[in-house]
């Protein structure tokens, strides 16, 4: 599985989480590293104002892990989330 495909899936899965605000409608920035049986993902995103950031990051990790697993059968061993800004929708 290509790293760019896994990164795209991860970005889309993260953007589906309430409280994640995309840049002009785009998905969060994602970078994936893929090994034969697992993947790691680094995400950079913008959070909606008033969102509990700890809860948001937990939901994003869960959504990304499940989304990548469902579409690729790869186990996600690590999802690193960086919130770079907070703004309204």
Protein backbone atom coordinates (compact mmCIF):
# COMPACT_ATOMS: atom_id res chain seq x y z
CA UNK A 1 0.00 0.00 0.00
CA UNK A 2 1.37 3.39 -0.94
CA UNK A 3 2.15 5.96 1.74
CA UNK A 4 0.26 8.65 -0.17
CA UNK A 5 -2.90 6.51 -0.24
CA UNK A 6 -2.70 5.86 3.51
CA UNK A 7 -2.08 9.58 4.14
CA UNK A 8 -5.14 10.51 2.05
CA UNK A 9 -7.32 8.03 3.94
CA UNK A 10 -6.01 9.36 7.25
CA UNK A 11 -6.68 12.98 6.28
CA UNK A 12 -10.23 12.19 5.20
CA UNK A 13 -10.90 10.17 8.36
CA UNK A 14 -9.62 13.02 10.51
CA UNK A 15 -11.70 15.62 8.68
CA UNK A 16 -14.86 13.60 9.43
CA UNK A 17 -14.40 14.17 13.19
CA UNK A 18 -16.57 17.01 14.55
CA UNK A 19 -14.34 19.87 15.68
CA UNK A 20 -11.74 19.46 12.94
CA UNK A 21 -11.70 22.52 10.67
CA UNK A 22 -10.06 22.13 7.27
CA UNK A 23 -8.18 24.85 5.44
CA UNK A 24 -10.64 26.16 2.83
CA UNK A 25 -12.47 22.83 2.78
CA UNK A 26 -9.37 20.68 2.52
CA UNK A 27 -8.53 17.71 4.72
CA UNK A 28 -5.91 17.96 7.48
CA UNK A 29 -2.31 17.53 6.36
CA UNK A 30 -1.23 13.90 6.80
CA UNK A 31 2.02 12.03 6.32
CA UNK A 32 2.12 8.24 6.55
CA UNK A 33 4.90 5.71 6.92
CA UNK A 34 3.91 2.24 5.75
CA UNK A 35 5.53 -1.06 6.68
CA UNK A 36 4.34 -4.47 5.45
CA UNK A 37 1.85 -5.01 8.30
CA UNK A 38 1.34 -1.60 9.90
CA UNK A 39 1.45 2.16 9.41
CA UNK A 40 2.17 5.30 11.40
CA UNK A 41 0.51 8.64 10.68
CA UNK A 42 1.47 12.25 11.49
CA UNK A 43 -1.42 14.71 11.22
CA UNK A 44 -1.49 18.50 11.32
CA UNK A 45 -4.90 20.07 11.73
CA UNK A 46 -6.94 23.10 12.75
CA UNK A 47 -9.48 22.74 15.56
CA UNK A 48 -12.80 24.52 15.89
CA UNK A 49 -12.97 27.19 18.59
CA UNK A 50 -14.39 25.84 21.85
CA UNK A 51 -13.46 22.22 21.14
CA UNK A 52 -11.97 20.10 23.93
CA UNK A 53 -8.58 19.47 22.31
CA UNK A 54 -7.69 16.37 24.35
CA UNK A 55 -11.00 14.75 23.41
CA UNK A 56 -10.63 15.87 19.79
CA UNK A 57 -7.18 14.30 19.47
CA UNK A 58 -8.48 11.05 20.95
CA UNK A 59 -11.38 10.97 18.48
CA UNK A 60 -9.06 11.76 15.57
CA UNK A 61 -6.68 8.95 16.54
CA UNK A 62 -9.57 6.49 16.75
CA UNK A 63 -11.11 7.63 13.44
CA UNK A 64 -7.80 7.46 11.59
CA UNK A 65 -6.89 4.04 12.99
CA UNK A 66 -10.31 2.59 12.10
CA UNK A 67 -10.44 4.22 8.66
CA UNK A 68 -7.00 3.03 7.60
CA UNK A 69 -7.65 -0.46 8.98
CA UNK A 70 -10.99 -0.79 7.18
CA UNK A 71 -9.68 0.36 3.81
CA UNK A 72 -6.20 -1.18 3.78
CA UNK A 73 -6.12 -3.91 6.45
CA UNK A 74 -3.04 -2.19 7.90
CA UNK A 75 -2.81 -1.83 11.66
CA UNK A 76 -2.07 1.76 12.65
CA UNK A 77 0.45 1.67 15.49
CA UNK A 78 0.83 5.41 15.99
CA UNK A 79 -1.17 8.54 15.16
CA UNK A 80 0.59 11.79 16.09
CA UNK A 81 -1.75 14.79 16.06
CA UNK A 82 -0.55 18.40 16.03
CA UNK A 83 -3.10 21.19 16.36
CA UNK A 84 -1.61 24.23 14.63
CA UNK A 85 -4.51 26.67 15.02
CA UNK A 86 -7.95 27.14 16.55
CA UNK A 87 -10.65 28.99 14.63
CA UNK A 88 -14.37 29.10 13.91
CA UNK A 89 -15.99 27.23 11.07
